Amino acid sequence: MNKKQWYEALFENYGQQYDHESFTQGTAGECDFIEKEMNYNKALKIIDIGCGTGRHAIELSKRGYSVTGIDLSESMLQKARENAKQNGLQIEFLRHDARNLPFENQFDVAIMLCEGGFPLMETDEMNFEILKNVSKALKRKSKFIFTTLNGLFPLFHSINDFHAEGATEGAAAYDSKNFDLMTFRDHNITKFVDDDGVEKELECNERYYVPSEITWLLKTLGFTKIEIFGAKLGAFSREDKLTTGDYEMLVIAEYE
């Protein structure tokens, strides 16, 4: 049997803890932005890729939108279903690998927030497969909104300092061992406590992208208008020009 990749091992029993992480606290503000980008059109069908515990899917469903959530982790999906049930919502949460989605021309909007799959894959080709599958799932005249790691950040700042500043007691701890300038991959050790209270330690690596790479990848997939901004937790805005101080970038791509 193949050894689990770090992102599979991390999320296999982490649904309860995940919802308490600091980076999951901006849901309502992020959904405000998504709604605005959709012109508040509740007829549009949304796919939430790497939906995790369903926080964006649930918030958007509460507001009257039709959302399908997909994730690789059955444990996260189980928590998403529980969360939806507690909110009296019926949302389709499906287990799929974002590199191999069964959808074609089905959705008007795709969201992929907080590193939902992309850019966690072990090769650039696998990351690209995720973008390719998103574009396939979208209808023409659609929009793709996602956040990803900003490759400009580690050139000017310490990744460890960034994680230390945002750390809360009991949350996952990150220790960056090596940011590789040739591959733009950060190799780190992540320590966390799973939902059973078991302390775990994983060797992880994440791919940071610079804006020109993202633009080129999306253009090759037929996206015609690509805009990139700084991604502020819970407060996405087109007013935030991307800077070297932004840990994440917000990408808005349109598909004609």
Protein backbone atom coordinates (compact mmCIF):
# COMPACT_ATOMS: atom_id res chain seq x y z
CA MET A 1 0.00 0.00 0.00
CA ASN A 2 1.31 3.46 -0.86
CA LYS A 3 2.41 5.64 2.03
CA LYS A 4 -0.04 8.45 2.72
CA GLN A 5 1.05 11.89 1.62
CA TRP A 6 1.45 14.44 4.42
CA TYR A 7 -1.74 16.31 3.50
CA GLU A 8 -3.73 13.05 3.70
CA ALA A 9 -2.23 12.18 7.10
CA LEU A 10 -2.78 15.71 8.42
CA PHE A 11 -6.47 15.85 7.62
CA GLU A 12 -7.51 12.26 8.36
CA ASN A 13 -8.50 13.01 11.98
CA TYR A 14 -8.42 16.76 12.33
CA GLY A 15 -11.94 18.06 11.66
CA GLN A 16 -12.68 19.27 15.21
CA GLN A 17 -9.27 20.90 15.71
CA TYR A 18 -9.24 22.46 12.24
CA ASP A 19 -12.25 24.66 13.00
CA HIS A 20 -10.34 26.25 15.89
CA GLU A 21 -7.27 27.24 13.85
CA SER A 22 -6.76 31.00 13.51
CA PHE A 23 -6.81 30.88 9.69
CA THR A 24 -10.37 29.48 9.68
CA GLN A 25 -11.91 32.47 11.46
CA GLY A 26 -12.55 34.76 8.48
CA THR A 27 -15.37 32.84 6.83
CA ALA A 28 -18.19 35.42 6.91
CA GLY A 29 -16.06 38.24 5.48
CA GLU A 30 -14.67 35.99 2.76
CA CYS A 31 -18.21 34.96 1.79
CA ASP A 32 -19.22 38.64 1.63
CA PHE A 33 -16.55 39.06 -1.04
CA ILE A 34 -17.60 35.93 -2.95
CA GLU A 35 -21.23 37.09 -2.96
CA LYS A 36 -20.21 40.46 -4.36
CA GLU A 37 -18.11 38.77 -7.08
CA MET A 38 -21.20 36.76 -8.03
CA ASN A 39 -23.34 39.91 -8.19
CA TYR A 40 -25.53 38.28 -5.54
CA ASN A 41 -26.98 35.95 -8.20
CA LYS A 42 -28.41 33.00 -6.27
CA ALA A 43 -29.08 31.07 -9.48
CA LEU A 44 -25.35 30.41 -9.90
CA LYS A 45 -24.01 26.97 -8.98
CA ILE A 46 -20.84 26.91 -6.86
CA ILE A 47 -18.24 24.19 -6.36
CA ASP A 48 -16.07 24.48 -3.23
CA ILE A 49 -12.82 22.58 -3.84
CA GLY A 50 -10.95 21.41 -0.77
CA CYS A 51 -14.00 22.39 1.27
CA GLY A 52 -12.63 20.93 4.51
CA THR A 53 -15.22 21.13 7.29
CA GLY A 54 -17.54 23.02 4.95
CA ARG A 55 -17.24 26.48 6.46
CA HIS A 56 -17.58 28.47 3.19
CA ALA A 57 -20.11 26.06 1.68
CA ILE A 58 -22.28 26.27 4.79
CA GLU A 59 -22.08 30.06 5.05
CA LEU A 60 -22.98 30.48 1.37
CA SER A 61 -25.81 27.94 1.67
CA LYS A 62 -27.19 29.88 4.63
CA ARG A 63 -27.30 32.88 2.31
CA GLY A 64 -29.32 30.97 -0.27
CA TYR A 65 -26.67 29.72 -2.72
CA SER A 66 -26.37 26.23 -4.20
CA VAL A 67 -22.96 24.77 -3.25
CA THR A 68 -21.32 21.39 -3.82
CA GLY A 69 -18.35 20.72 -1.52
CA ILE A 70 -15.56 18.32 -2.44
CA ASP A 71 -12.59 17.16 -0.41
CA LEU A 72 -10.11 14.30 -0.29
CA SER A 73 -10.52 13.73 3.46
CA GLU A 74 -13.47 11.62 4.59
CA SER A 75 -12.96 12.83 8.17
CA MET A 76 -13.25 16.49 7.12
CA LEU A 77 -16.30 15.70 4.99
CA GLN A 78 -17.94 13.92 7.92
CA LYS A 79 -17.46 17.04 10.04
CA ALA A 80 -18.82 19.17 7.16
CA ARG A 81 -21.96 17.00 7.00
CA GLU A 82 -22.42 17.28 10.78
CA ASN A 83 -21.96 21.07 10.64
CA ALA A 84 -24.50 21.34 7.80
CA LYS A 85 -27.01 19.20 9.70
CA GLN A 86 -26.61 21.34 12.83
CA ASN A 87 -27.44 24.37 10.68
CA GLY A 88 -30.48 22.65 9.15
CA LEU A 89 -28.89 22.65 5.70
CA GLN A 90 -28.80 20.00 3.00
CA ILE A 91 -25.50 20.32 1.15
CA GLU A 92 -23.88 17.78 -1.14
CA PHE A 93 -20.43 16.99 0.25
CA LEU A 94 -18.56 14.52 -1.95
CA ARG A 95 -15.22 12.75 -1.64
CA HIS A 96 -13.12 13.41 -4.73
CA ASP A 97 -9.49 13.99 -5.54
CA ALA A 98 -9.25 17.50 -7.05
CA ARG A 99 -6.78 16.11 -9.61
CA ASN A 100 -9.52 13.87 -10.99
CA LEU A 101 -12.96 15.47 -10.76
CA PRO A 102 -15.98 13.88 -12.48
CA PHE A 103 -17.55 17.23 -13.46
CA GLU A 104 -17.70 18.86 -16.88
CA ASN A 105 -19.24 22.27 -17.64
CA GLN A 106 -21.41 22.05 -14.51
CA PHE A 107 -20.60 25.05 -12.33
CA ASP A 108 -20.77 28.83 -12.67
CA VAL A 109 -18.31 29.59 -9.87
CA ALA A 110 -15.43 27.63 -8.34
CA ILE A 111 -13.90 28.58 -5.00
CA MET A 112 -10.73 27.06 -3.55
CA LEU A 113 -9.71 28.86 -0.39
CA CYS A 114 -7.07 28.50 2.28
CA GLU A 115 -4.89 26.12 0.25
CA GLY A 116 -7.73 23.77 -0.62
CA GLY A 117 -5.59 21.11 -2.31
CA PHE A 118 -3.61 23.45 -4.51
CA PRO A 119 -0.64 24.09 -3.76
CA LEU A 120 -0.10 21.12 -1.44
CA MET A 121 0.63 18.47 -4.07
CA GLU A 122 4.05 16.88 -4.27
CA THR A 123 4.77 17.95 -7.85
CA ASP A 124 4.02 21.01 -9.99
CA GLU A 125 2.31 18.71 -12.49
CA MET A 126 -0.13 17.51 -9.82
CA ASN A 127 -0.90 21.08 -8.77
CA PHE A 128 -1.57 21.91 -12.41
CA GLU A 129 -3.96 18.92 -12.66
CA ILE A 130 -6.08 20.56 -9.97
CA LEU A 131 -6.34 23.80 -11.96
CA LYS A 132 -7.08 21.79 -15.11
CA ASN A 133 -9.90 19.87 -13.40
CA VAL A 134 -11.39 23.09 -12.05
CA SER A 135 -11.46 24.63 -15.53
CA LYS A 136 -13.13 21.45 -16.87
CA ALA A 137 -15.81 21.58 -14.16
CA LEU A 138 -16.72 25.18 -14.99
CA LYS A 139 -19.22 26.37 -17.59
CA ARG A 140 -18.32 29.08 -20.04
CA LYS A 141 -18.79 32.63 -18.67
CA SER A 142 -17.74 31.49 -15.21
CA LYS A 143 -15.46 32.64 -12.41
CA PHE A 144 -12.73 30.94 -10.37
CA ILE A 145 -11.81 32.50 -7.01
CA PHE A 146 -8.95 31.03 -5.02
CA THR A 147 -6.14 31.80 -2.61
CA THR A 148 -2.65 30.39 -2.75
CA LEU A 149 0.77 30.92 -1.17
CA ASN A 150 2.54 34.05 -2.39
CA GLY A 151 6.05 33.23 -3.62
CA LEU A 152 7.15 36.85 -3.10
CA PHE A 153 6.65 36.56 0.67
CA PRO A 154 9.50 34.13 1.58
CA LEU A 155 11.96 36.13 -0.54
CA PHE A 156 11.56 39.05 1.86
CA HIS A 157 10.24 37.53 5.11
CA SER A 158 10.64 34.59 7.47
CA ILE A 159 7.91 31.95 7.14
CA ASN A 160 8.62 30.89 10.73
CA ASP A 161 8.07 34.43 12.03
CA PHE A 162 4.77 34.62 10.16
CA HIS A 163 3.46 31.39 11.69
CA ALA A 164 4.73 32.35 15.17
CA GLU A 165 2.82 35.66 15.04
CA GLY A 166 -0.47 33.95 14.20
CA ALA A 167 -0.01 31.01 16.60
CA THR A 168 -2.66 30.28 19.20
CA GLU A 169 -2.45 27.81 22.07
CA GLY A 170 -3.25 24.26 20.98
CA ALA A 171 -3.03 25.09 17.27
CA ALA A 172 -0.74 23.42 14.74
CA ALA A 173 2.89 24.56 14.93
CA TYR A 174 5.04 25.01 11.81
CA ASP A 175 8.82 24.91 11.67
CA SER A 176 10.23 25.78 8.25
CA LYS A 177 13.47 23.91 7.64
CA ASN A 178 14.25 25.00 4.10
CA PHE A 179 12.75 27.27 1.47
CA ASP A 180 14.18 26.07 -1.85
CA LEU A 181 14.80 28.95 -4.26
CA MET A 182 15.02 26.59 -7.23
CA THR A 183 11.59 25.01 -6.69
CA PHE A 184 9.84 27.61 -4.47
CA ARG A 185 8.92 24.82 -2.09
CA ASP A 186 8.97 25.24 1.67
CA HIS A 187 9.97 22.10 3.55
CA ASN A 188 8.67 22.18 7.10
CA ILE A 189 7.80 20.13 10.15
CA THR A 190 4.19 20.50 11.28
CA LYS A 191 3.25 19.47 14.82
CA PHE A 192 -0.39 19.19 15.78
CA VAL A 193 -2.81 17.39 18.08
CA ASP A 194 -5.48 15.35 16.31
CA ASP A 195 -9.13 14.99 17.33
CA ASP A 196 -8.26 12.10 19.66
CA GLY A 197 -5.69 14.21 21.52
CA VAL A 198 -2.75 12.40 19.92
CA GLU A 199 0.31 14.56 19.20
CA LYS A 200 1.63 14.09 15.66
CA GLU A 201 4.55 15.38 13.65
CA LEU A 202 4.66 15.47 9.84
CA GLU A 203 7.26 16.37 7.25
CA CYS A 204 5.43 18.66 4.82
CA ASN A 205 6.25 20.62 1.72
CA GLU A 206 4.20 23.35 0.10
CA ARG A 207 4.65 25.13 -3.21
CA TYR A 208 4.72 28.93 -3.27
CA TYR A 209 3.83 30.61 -6.58
CA VAL A 210 4.72 34.01 -7.99
CA PRO A 211 1.95 35.97 -9.76
CA SER A 212 3.40 35.55 -13.26
CA GLU A 213 3.38 31.74 -12.86
CA ILE A 214 -0.25 31.68 -11.75
CA THR A 215 -1.22 33.98 -14.63
CA TRP A 216 0.54 31.77 -17.18
CA LEU A 217 -0.92 28.51 -15.79
CA LEU A 218 -4.46 29.92 -15.91
CA LYS A 219 -4.00 31.41 -19.39
CA THR A 220 -2.94 28.03 -20.75
CA LEU A 221 -6.27 26.68 -19.46
CA GLY A 222 -8.29 29.29 -21.33
CA PHE A 223 -8.99 31.77 -18.54
CA THR A 224 -9.08 35.15 -20.23
CA LYS A 225 -9.06 37.65 -17.38
CA ILE A 226 -6.78 36.98 -14.41
CA GLU A 227 -6.47 39.40 -11.52
CA ILE A 228 -4.31 38.93 -8.42
CA PHE A 229 -4.61 40.75 -5.09
CA GLY A 230 -3.33 40.44 -1.54
CA ALA A 231 -5.45 38.05 0.55
CA LYS A 232 -6.33 39.46 3.95
CA LEU A 233 -7.94 36.94 6.31
CA GLY A 234 -11.69 37.51 6.40
CA ALA A 235 -11.42 40.72 4.40
CA PHE A 236 -10.77 39.95 0.73
CA SER A 237 -10.79 43.12 -1.36
CA ARG A 238 -9.95 44.25 -4.86
CA GLU A 239 -8.43 47.32 -3.18
CA ASP A 240 -5.54 45.27 -1.75
CA LYS A 241 -2.70 45.33 -4.22
CA LEU A 242 -0.46 42.28 -3.80
CA THR A 243 2.75 43.07 -1.92
CA THR A 244 5.77 41.12 -0.70
CA GLY A 245 4.18 41.30 2.76
CA ASP A 246 1.16 39.21 1.78
CA TYR A 247 1.53 35.57 2.82
CA GLU A 248 -1.29 34.58 0.46
CA MET A 249 -2.56 35.93 -2.82
CA LEU A 250 -6.16 36.15 -3.93
CA VAL A 251 -6.71 35.10 -7.54
CA ILE A 252 -9.83 35.89 -9.56
CA ALA A 253 -9.94 34.29 -12.98
CA GLU A 254 -12.74 34.52 -15.52
CA TYR A 255 -13.57 31.87 -18.10
CA GLU A 256 -15.18 33.09 -21.31
